[in-house]
N, C-alpha and C. Protein backbone atom coordinates (compact mmCIF):
# COMPACT_ATOMS: atom_id res chain seq x y z
N MET A 1 84.17 -14.19 17.27
CA MET A 1 85.06 -13.96 18.40
C MET A 1 86.01 -12.83 18.04
N ASN A 2 86.17 -11.89 18.94
CA ASN A 2 87.04 -10.75 18.65
C ASN A 2 88.51 -11.07 18.97
N THR A 3 89.37 -10.19 18.55
CA THR A 3 90.81 -10.39 18.69
C THR A 3 91.23 -10.59 20.14
N GLU A 4 90.72 -9.77 21.03
CA GLU A 4 91.12 -9.87 22.43
C GLU A 4 90.70 -11.20 23.04
N ALA A 5 89.53 -11.69 22.68
CA ALA A 5 89.06 -12.98 23.19
C ALA A 5 89.94 -14.11 22.68
N ILE A 6 90.36 -14.01 21.44
CA ILE A 6 91.26 -15.03 20.88
C ILE A 6 92.60 -15.01 21.61
N LYS A 7 93.14 -13.81 21.84
CA LYS A 7 94.41 -13.70 22.57
C LYS A 7 94.30 -14.32 23.96
N LEU A 8 93.24 -14.01 24.66
CA LEU A 8 93.07 -14.57 26.01
C LEU A 8 92.96 -16.09 25.97
N GLY A 9 92.22 -16.59 24.99
CA GLY A 9 92.09 -18.03 24.84
C GLY A 9 93.43 -18.71 24.59
N LEU A 10 94.24 -18.09 23.74
CA LEU A 10 95.57 -18.64 23.47
C LEU A 10 96.45 -18.61 24.71
N ILE A 11 96.41 -17.51 25.42
CA ILE A 11 97.20 -17.40 26.66
C ILE A 11 96.79 -18.49 27.65
N GLN A 12 95.50 -18.69 27.80
CA GLN A 12 95.02 -19.73 28.72
C GLN A 12 95.51 -21.11 28.31
N ARG A 13 95.47 -21.38 27.02
CA ARG A 13 95.94 -22.69 26.54
C ARG A 13 97.43 -22.87 26.79
N VAL A 14 98.19 -21.82 26.59
CA VAL A 14 99.64 -21.90 26.84
C VAL A 14 99.90 -22.14 28.32
N LEU A 15 99.17 -21.44 29.18
CA LEU A 15 99.36 -21.62 30.62
C LEU A 15 98.99 -23.02 31.08
N LEU A 16 98.06 -23.67 30.39
CA LEU A 16 97.66 -25.02 30.78
C LEU A 16 98.63 -26.09 30.29
N ALA A 17 99.46 -25.75 29.31
CA ALA A 17 100.42 -26.71 28.79
C ALA A 17 101.56 -26.88 29.79
N HIS A 18 101.89 -28.11 30.11
CA HIS A 18 102.92 -28.38 31.10
C HIS A 18 104.15 -29.07 30.51
N GLU A 19 103.99 -29.67 29.35
CA GLU A 19 105.11 -30.38 28.75
C GLU A 19 105.89 -29.46 27.83
N THR A 20 107.20 -29.50 27.96
CA THR A 20 108.06 -28.68 27.13
C THR A 20 107.82 -28.95 25.65
N SER A 21 107.62 -30.20 25.30
CA SER A 21 107.42 -30.54 23.89
C SER A 21 106.17 -29.88 23.32
N VAL A 22 105.13 -29.77 24.12
CA VAL A 22 103.90 -29.12 23.68
C VAL A 22 104.15 -27.63 23.47
N LEU A 23 104.85 -27.00 24.40
CA LEU A 23 105.15 -25.58 24.28
C LEU A 23 106.07 -25.31 23.08
N GLU A 24 107.04 -26.18 22.86
CA GLU A 24 107.93 -26.02 21.71
C GLU A 24 107.15 -26.14 20.40
N ARG A 25 106.21 -27.07 20.36
CA ARG A 25 105.37 -27.24 19.16
C ARG A 25 104.51 -26.00 18.93
N MET A 26 103.93 -25.46 20.00
CA MET A 26 103.12 -24.23 19.89
C MET A 26 103.98 -23.09 19.34
N GLU A 27 105.19 -22.98 19.85
CA GLU A 27 106.09 -21.92 19.43
C GLU A 27 106.42 -22.05 17.94
N LYS A 28 106.69 -23.27 17.49
CA LYS A 28 106.99 -23.51 16.07
C LYS A 28 105.79 -23.17 15.19
N LEU A 29 104.61 -23.55 15.64
CA LEU A 29 103.40 -23.26 14.85
C LEU A 29 103.15 -21.76 14.74
N LEU A 30 103.36 -21.03 15.82
CA LEU A 30 103.20 -19.58 15.78
C LEU A 30 104.23 -18.93 14.85
N ALA A 31 105.46 -19.39 14.93
CA ALA A 31 106.52 -18.84 14.08
C ALA A 31 106.20 -19.11 12.61
N GLN A 32 105.73 -20.31 12.31
CA GLN A 32 105.39 -20.66 10.93
C GLN A 32 104.23 -19.79 10.44
N ALA A 33 103.22 -19.60 11.27
CA ALA A 33 102.07 -18.77 10.90
C ALA A 33 102.52 -17.33 10.63
N GLU A 34 103.41 -16.81 11.47
CA GLU A 34 103.91 -15.45 11.28
C GLU A 34 104.67 -15.33 9.97
N MET A 35 105.49 -16.31 9.63
CA MET A 35 106.24 -16.28 8.38
C MET A 35 105.30 -16.35 7.18
N GLU A 36 104.27 -17.17 7.26
CA GLU A 36 103.32 -17.29 6.17
C GLU A 36 102.57 -15.97 5.95
N ILE A 37 102.19 -15.31 7.03
CA ILE A 37 101.51 -14.02 6.93
C ILE A 37 102.43 -12.98 6.29
N ARG A 38 103.68 -12.95 6.71
CA ARG A 38 104.64 -12.00 6.13
C ARG A 38 104.85 -12.28 4.65
N ALA A 39 104.90 -13.55 4.27
CA ALA A 39 105.07 -13.91 2.86
C ALA A 39 103.87 -13.45 2.04
N GLU A 40 102.66 -13.66 2.57
CA GLU A 40 101.45 -13.22 1.89
C GLU A 40 101.43 -11.71 1.72
N GLU A 41 101.82 -10.98 2.78
CA GLU A 41 101.87 -9.52 2.71
C GLU A 41 102.89 -9.06 1.66
N SER A 42 104.01 -9.75 1.59
CA SER A 42 105.04 -9.40 0.62
C SER A 42 104.54 -9.63 -0.80
N LEU A 43 103.87 -10.75 -1.03
CA LEU A 43 103.34 -11.03 -2.36
C LEU A 43 102.30 -9.99 -2.78
N LYS A 44 101.46 -9.58 -1.85
CA LYS A 44 100.46 -8.54 -2.15
C LYS A 44 101.15 -7.22 -2.49
N ALA A 45 102.20 -6.89 -1.75
CA ALA A 45 102.94 -5.65 -2.02
C ALA A 45 103.58 -5.70 -3.41
N ILE A 46 104.11 -6.86 -3.77
CA ILE A 46 104.71 -7.02 -5.09
C ILE A 46 103.66 -6.83 -6.17
N GLU A 47 102.48 -7.43 -5.98
CA GLU A 47 101.39 -7.30 -6.95
C GLU A 47 100.98 -5.84 -7.13
N LYS A 48 101.05 -5.06 -6.05
CA LYS A 48 100.67 -3.64 -6.09
C LYS A 48 101.81 -2.76 -6.62
N GLY A 49 102.97 -3.37 -6.85
CA GLY A 49 104.11 -2.60 -7.32
C GLY A 49 104.87 -1.89 -6.22
N GLU A 50 104.62 -2.27 -4.99
CA GLU A 50 105.29 -1.65 -3.84
C GLU A 50 106.63 -2.33 -3.61
N VAL A 51 107.55 -2.08 -4.53
CA VAL A 51 108.86 -2.72 -4.47
C VAL A 51 109.93 -1.67 -4.66
N MET A 52 111.17 -2.04 -4.34
CA MET A 52 112.30 -1.15 -4.59
C MET A 52 113.43 -2.00 -5.15
N SER A 53 114.31 -1.35 -5.88
CA SER A 53 115.45 -2.06 -6.46
C SER A 53 116.43 -2.45 -5.36
N VAL A 54 117.35 -3.32 -5.72
CA VAL A 54 118.38 -3.73 -4.77
C VAL A 54 119.21 -2.52 -4.36
N ASN A 55 119.49 -1.64 -5.32
CA ASN A 55 120.27 -0.43 -5.01
C ASN A 55 119.52 0.47 -4.03
N GLU A 56 118.22 0.67 -4.26
CA GLU A 56 117.42 1.48 -3.35
C GLU A 56 117.40 0.86 -1.95
N PHE A 57 117.24 -0.45 -1.91
CA PHE A 57 117.23 -1.15 -0.63
C PHE A 57 118.57 -0.97 0.09
N SER A 58 119.65 -1.10 -0.66
CA SER A 58 120.97 -0.96 -0.08
C SER A 58 121.16 0.43 0.51
N GLU A 59 120.74 1.46 -0.22
CA GLU A 59 120.86 2.83 0.28
C GLU A 59 120.01 3.04 1.53
N GLU A 60 118.78 2.54 1.51
CA GLU A 60 117.90 2.66 2.69
C GLU A 60 118.52 1.95 3.88
N ASN A 61 119.11 0.80 3.63
CA ASN A 61 119.73 0.02 4.69
C ASN A 61 120.92 0.78 5.29
N LYS A 62 121.72 1.41 4.44
CA LYS A 62 122.86 2.19 4.93
C LYS A 62 122.39 3.37 5.77
N LYS A 63 121.35 4.07 5.31
CA LYS A 63 120.80 5.19 6.07
C LYS A 63 120.31 4.73 7.43
N TRP A 64 119.61 3.60 7.44
CA TRP A 64 119.09 3.05 8.69
C TRP A 64 120.24 2.73 9.64
N ALA A 65 121.29 2.10 9.11
CA ALA A 65 122.44 1.71 9.94
C ALA A 65 123.12 2.95 10.52
N ARG A 66 123.26 4.00 9.72
CA ARG A 66 123.88 5.23 10.22
C ARG A 66 123.06 5.84 11.34
N ARG A 67 121.73 5.82 11.17
CA ARG A 67 120.86 6.37 12.24
C ARG A 67 121.00 5.54 13.51
N LYS A 68 121.09 4.24 13.39
CA LYS A 68 121.21 3.37 14.56
C LYS A 68 122.53 3.61 15.29
N ILE A 69 123.58 3.87 14.54
CA ILE A 69 124.89 4.09 15.15
C ILE A 69 124.90 5.39 15.96
N THR A 70 124.21 6.40 15.45
CA THR A 70 124.21 7.70 16.13
C THR A 70 123.20 7.80 17.26
N GLU A 71 122.33 6.83 17.40
CA GLU A 71 121.34 6.87 18.48
C GLU A 71 121.94 6.51 19.81
């Protein structure tokens, strides 16, 4: 099954759900899956050495914030 077919299937299932509790559970499961994927990606990046120091991160964060302020 391709990605688009899976998306459509999920959308159909969400549209068929009528109880708030079911929708809330679906939302929690999706959020958990997204966090797990991000954690796995982070671990792979660490294994590859794709990391930066806290100081580098802080500087990048400051640059990003300055750009956001001027936009």
